[in-house]
């Protein structure tokens, strides 16, 4: 169990008795979660820090992988572990001795699972779900969205800039258009060919656009999604 001030609790008898141990890996954020990989190995998630124990929780060391907002850790095999962060993942093939960073499309990832067939699923805030193209336990992890999605812009209302996140499931021509409340096209946000993946589009409203409600429409092939946004000057 993780806690504040670098303190952790651990039990070896199903919770009948508990021992305390301090994180001797140095100062970290509050320890939010501890993920047991096996009886000896565990990873503790402490905001932008990761802590590793290889002796059942008696001693902890801080991994030199700061900067991400780490969310979850899972064991792919005896020596292969995967740690999910908000915008990327870390993978080790040698029980934590060395780590490789895996870039993920977009950001905002919150959890992951491996299904019974061996495929990895990663979920992000909103509607983005990624699935590995191969079963996990391989050197390279490739992920593509399995749904066509357009998320709510953030911030909203905005002035003058906002970010719009969207996902496409195949390589295709992508167009996103802005309309006013009476259906007139007032701006084209993107109009180009893109490969399958998740994208963050930064949009800055033109100076001649007045405050009010607008609609942004994502079109890929014969698929269309529309959402509403508000410009507040």
Protein backbone atom coordinates (compact mmCIF):
# COMPACT_ATOMS: atom_id res chain seq x y z
CA UNK A 1 0.00 0.00 0.00
CA UNK A 2 1.37 3.40 -0.93
CA UNK A 3 1.09 6.56 1.12
CA UNK A 4 2.47 10.00 1.85
CA UNK A 5 5.98 10.97 2.92
CA UNK A 6 7.61 8.06 1.10
CA UNK A 7 5.95 5.50 3.40
CA UNK A 8 4.73 2.10 2.21
CA UNK A 9 3.00 -0.77 4.02
CA UNK A 10 3.41 -4.41 3.03
CA UNK A 11 2.05 -7.73 4.25
CA UNK A 12 3.20 -11.33 3.78
CA UNK A 13 0.22 -13.05 5.43
CA UNK A 14 -2.80 -11.84 3.43
CA UNK A 15 -3.25 -8.73 5.56
CA UNK A 16 -3.14 -10.24 9.08
CA UNK A 17 -0.03 -8.24 9.96
CA UNK A 18 1.63 -5.29 8.26
CA UNK A 19 5.15 -3.91 8.16
CA UNK A 20 6.21 -0.42 7.18
CA UNK A 21 9.08 0.48 4.93
CA UNK A 22 10.36 3.82 3.73
CA UNK A 23 11.05 4.52 0.10
CA UNK A 24 14.82 4.74 0.09
CA UNK A 25 14.86 5.85 -3.52
CA UNK A 26 14.79 9.51 -2.57
CA UNK A 27 12.10 12.16 -2.42
CA UNK A 28 9.02 11.52 -4.58
CA UNK A 29 5.41 12.55 -4.91
CA UNK A 30 2.67 10.82 -2.93
CA UNK A 31 2.67 7.11 -3.76
CA UNK A 32 -0.72 6.49 -5.34
CA UNK A 33 -0.58 2.84 -6.45
CA UNK A 34 1.59 -0.24 -6.13
CA UNK A 35 1.49 -2.91 -8.84
CA UNK A 36 2.77 -6.38 -7.88
CA UNK A 37 4.44 -8.07 -10.84
CA UNK A 38 5.22 -11.25 -8.90
CA UNK A 39 6.00 -12.17 -5.28
CA UNK A 40 9.26 -10.19 -5.28
CA UNK A 41 8.95 -7.53 -7.95
CA UNK A 42 6.64 -4.52 -7.76
CA UNK A 43 6.42 -1.02 -9.22
CA UNK A 44 5.03 1.90 -7.24
CA UNK A 45 3.49 4.83 -9.11
CA UNK A 46 4.16 8.22 -7.56
CA UNK A 47 3.09 10.88 -10.04
CA UNK A 48 6.05 11.54 -12.31
CA UNK A 49 8.22 9.04 -10.40
CA UNK A 50 8.48 5.24 -10.56
CA UNK A 51 9.79 3.13 -7.69
CA UNK A 52 10.97 -0.47 -8.07
CA UNK A 53 11.40 -3.25 -5.51
CA UNK A 54 12.89 -6.65 -6.24
CA UNK A 55 12.82 -8.08 -2.71
CA UNK A 56 9.13 -8.10 -1.88
CA UNK A 57 8.97 -4.47 -0.76
CA UNK A 58 11.80 -4.30 1.78
CA UNK A 59 13.88 -1.94 -0.33
CA UNK A 60 12.88 0.47 -3.07
CA UNK A 61 14.83 2.35 -5.72
CA UNK A 62 13.72 5.21 -7.92
CA UNK A 63 13.82 4.59 -11.65
CA UNK A 64 15.51 7.29 -13.69
CA UNK A 65 12.36 7.89 -15.73
CA UNK A 66 10.85 11.16 -14.53
CA UNK A 67 8.60 13.59 -16.37
CA UNK A 68 5.60 11.47 -17.31
CA UNK A 69 2.46 10.97 -15.24
CA UNK A 70 2.67 7.23 -14.68
CA UNK A 71 -0.59 5.29 -14.38
CA UNK A 72 -0.22 1.50 -14.35
CA UNK A 73 2.24 -1.39 -14.60
CA UNK A 74 1.67 -4.95 -15.84
CA UNK A 75 3.78 -8.07 -16.30
CA UNK A 76 3.93 -9.49 -19.83
CA UNK A 77 6.27 -12.37 -18.96
CA UNK A 78 8.75 -13.24 -16.23
CA UNK A 79 11.26 -10.70 -17.53
CA UNK A 80 9.06 -8.35 -19.60
CA UNK A 81 7.17 -5.56 -17.84
CA UNK A 82 5.23 -2.61 -19.22
CA UNK A 83 4.49 0.71 -17.49
CA UNK A 84 1.87 3.07 -18.90
CA UNK A 85 2.17 6.84 -18.65
CA UNK A 86 -0.11 9.66 -19.72
CA UNK A 87 1.66 10.10 -23.05
CA UNK A 88 4.04 7.14 -23.44
CA UNK A 89 4.97 3.75 -22.04
CA UNK A 90 8.10 2.07 -20.70
CA UNK A 91 9.08 -1.52 -21.43
CA UNK A 92 11.78 -3.69 -19.92
CA UNK A 93 12.91 -7.03 -21.33
CA UNK A 94 15.31 -7.83 -18.46
CA UNK A 95 13.29 -7.47 -15.24
CA UNK A 96 13.88 -3.75 -14.88
CA UNK A 97 17.61 -3.52 -15.55
CA UNK A 98 17.14 -1.50 -18.75
CA UNK A 99 14.08 0.31 -20.06
CA UNK A 100 12.90 1.42 -23.50
CA UNK A 101 10.41 4.23 -23.98
CA UNK A 102 7.50 3.59 -26.36
CA UNK A 103 5.85 6.61 -27.96
CA UNK A 104 2.05 6.46 -28.10
CA UNK A 105 -0.11 8.55 -30.45
CA UNK A 106 -1.66 11.48 -28.61
CA UNK A 107 -1.85 11.56 -24.82
CA UNK A 108 -4.21 11.22 -21.89
CA UNK A 109 -3.80 7.46 -21.36
CA UNK A 110 -5.19 6.10 -18.10
CA UNK A 111 -5.21 2.28 -18.06
CA UNK A 112 -4.29 -0.88 -19.97
CA UNK A 113 -5.03 -4.61 -19.97
CA UNK A 114 -3.88 -7.72 -21.82
CA UNK A 115 -6.80 -9.82 -23.05
CA UNK A 116 -6.90 -13.63 -23.04
CA UNK A 117 -5.64 -13.77 -26.63
CA UNK A 118 -2.51 -11.77 -25.77
CA UNK A 119 -3.40 -8.39 -27.27
CA UNK A 120 -2.77 -5.21 -25.33
CA UNK A 121 -5.56 -2.64 -24.97
CA UNK A 122 -4.83 0.93 -23.88
CA UNK A 123 -7.55 3.43 -22.96
CA UNK A 124 -7.32 7.21 -22.84
CA UNK A 125 -9.55 9.90 -21.40
CA UNK A 126 -12.53 10.47 -23.68
CA UNK A 127 -13.21 7.87 -26.37
CA UNK A 128 -9.77 6.75 -27.51
CA UNK A 129 -8.97 3.02 -27.28
CA UNK A 130 -5.78 1.54 -28.73
CA UNK A 131 -5.09 -2.11 -29.52
CA UNK A 132 -1.67 -3.59 -30.22
CA UNK A 133 -1.23 -4.83 -33.78
CA UNK A 134 0.42 -7.99 -32.48
CA UNK A 135 0.26 -9.99 -29.29
CA UNK A 136 2.44 -8.43 -26.59
CA UNK A 137 5.73 -9.83 -25.48
CA UNK A 138 7.53 -8.65 -28.62
CA UNK A 139 10.28 -6.08 -29.06
CA UNK A 140 8.15 -3.46 -30.79
CA UNK A 141 4.68 -2.40 -29.69
CA UNK A 142 2.57 -0.75 -32.41
CA UNK A 143 -0.85 0.64 -31.56
CA UNK A 144 -3.63 2.09 -33.68
CA UNK A 145 -7.05 3.36 -32.63
CA UNK A 146 -9.88 0.89 -33.13
CA UNK A 147 -12.61 3.54 -33.27
CA UNK A 148 -13.23 6.66 -35.35
CA UNK A 149 -13.61 9.44 -32.80
CA UNK A 150 -13.81 13.20 -32.39
CA UNK A 151 -13.46 14.56 -28.87
CA UNK A 152 -14.68 17.75 -27.26
CA UNK A 153 -12.30 20.64 -27.70
CA UNK A 154 -10.40 21.91 -24.66
CA UNK A 155 -10.66 24.50 -23.31
CA UNK A 156 -14.27 25.23 -24.14
CA UNK A 157 -15.33 28.07 -24.20
CA UNK A 158 -12.01 29.32 -25.60
CA UNK A 159 -10.27 32.54 -26.67
CA UNK A 160 -8.51 32.48 -29.03
CA UNK A 161 -6.93 28.98 -29.04
CA UNK A 162 -8.18 25.49 -28.30
CA UNK A 163 -7.13 21.87 -28.87
CA UNK A 164 -9.21 19.22 -30.64
CA UNK A 165 -8.30 15.55 -30.35
CA UNK A 166 -9.45 12.99 -32.92
CA UNK A 167 -8.68 9.41 -33.96
CA UNK A 168 -8.84 7.70 -37.35
CA UNK A 169 -8.65 3.95 -37.86
CA UNK A 170 -7.15 3.88 -41.36
CA UNK A 171 -4.93 5.89 -43.66
CA UNK A 172 -7.23 8.41 -45.33
CA UNK A 173 -7.88 11.99 -46.38
CA UNK A 174 -8.99 13.98 -43.34
CA UNK A 175 -10.97 17.20 -43.35
CA UNK A 176 -12.20 19.22 -40.39
CA UNK A 177 -14.43 22.21 -41.07
CA UNK A 178 -15.87 24.93 -38.84
CA UNK A 179 -19.46 26.12 -39.40
CA UNK A 180 -21.53 28.88 -37.83
CA UNK A 181 -25.02 28.30 -36.39
CA UNK A 182 -26.73 28.81 -39.76
CA UNK A 183 -24.49 26.29 -41.51
CA UNK A 184 -22.04 28.58 -43.29
CA UNK A 185 -18.48 27.32 -43.58
CA UNK A 186 -16.23 29.80 -41.78
CA UNK A 187 -12.90 27.95 -41.58
CA UNK A 188 -11.09 24.75 -42.56
CA UNK A 189 -9.01 23.41 -39.69
CA UNK A 190 -7.33 20.56 -41.54
CA UNK A 191 -7.55 19.15 -45.06
CA UNK A 192 -4.89 16.55 -45.83
CA UNK A 193 -4.01 12.86 -45.99
CA UNK A 194 -3.07 11.27 -42.66
CA UNK A 195 -2.08 7.83 -41.45
CA UNK A 196 -4.15 5.94 -38.88
CA UNK A 197 -3.64 7.25 -35.37
CA UNK A 198 -4.71 9.80 -32.79
CA UNK A 199 -4.01 13.49 -33.27
CA UNK A 200 -4.18 16.73 -31.31
CA UNK A 201 -5.11 19.69 -33.50
CA UNK A 202 -4.36 23.18 -32.18
CA UNK A 203 -6.78 25.77 -33.53
CA UNK A 204 -6.60 29.54 -33.20
CA UNK A 205 -9.73 31.42 -34.21
CA UNK A 206 -9.38 34.09 -36.88
CA UNK A 207 -9.59 37.65 -35.61
CA UNK A 208 -12.74 38.32 -37.66
CA UNK A 209 -14.73 35.53 -35.97
CA UNK A 210 -17.21 36.89 -33.47
CA UNK A 211 -18.11 35.34 -30.13
CA UNK A 212 -20.70 32.61 -30.31
CA UNK A 213 -21.44 28.95 -30.91
CA UNK A 214 -19.83 27.10 -33.81
CA UNK A 215 -19.78 23.50 -35.01
CA UNK A 216 -16.68 21.55 -36.04
CA UNK A 217 -17.10 18.56 -38.33
CA UNK A 218 -14.58 15.78 -38.93
CA UNK A 219 -14.96 13.96 -42.24
CA UNK A 220 -13.00 10.85 -43.23
CA UNK A 221 -14.34 9.02 -46.29
CA UNK A 222 -18.06 8.55 -45.73
CA UNK A 223 -17.76 8.99 -41.95
CA UNK A 224 -18.66 12.28 -40.29
CA UNK A 225 -18.75 13.47 -36.68
CA UNK A 226 -19.84 16.94 -35.53
CA UNK A 227 -19.39 18.65 -32.16
CA UNK A 228 -20.16 22.10 -30.81
CA UNK A 229 -17.71 24.67 -29.46
CA UNK A 230 -17.97 28.21 -28.14
CA UNK A 231 -15.72 31.17 -28.90
CA UNK A 232 -15.81 33.74 -26.12
CA UNK A 233 -13.99 37.00 -26.79
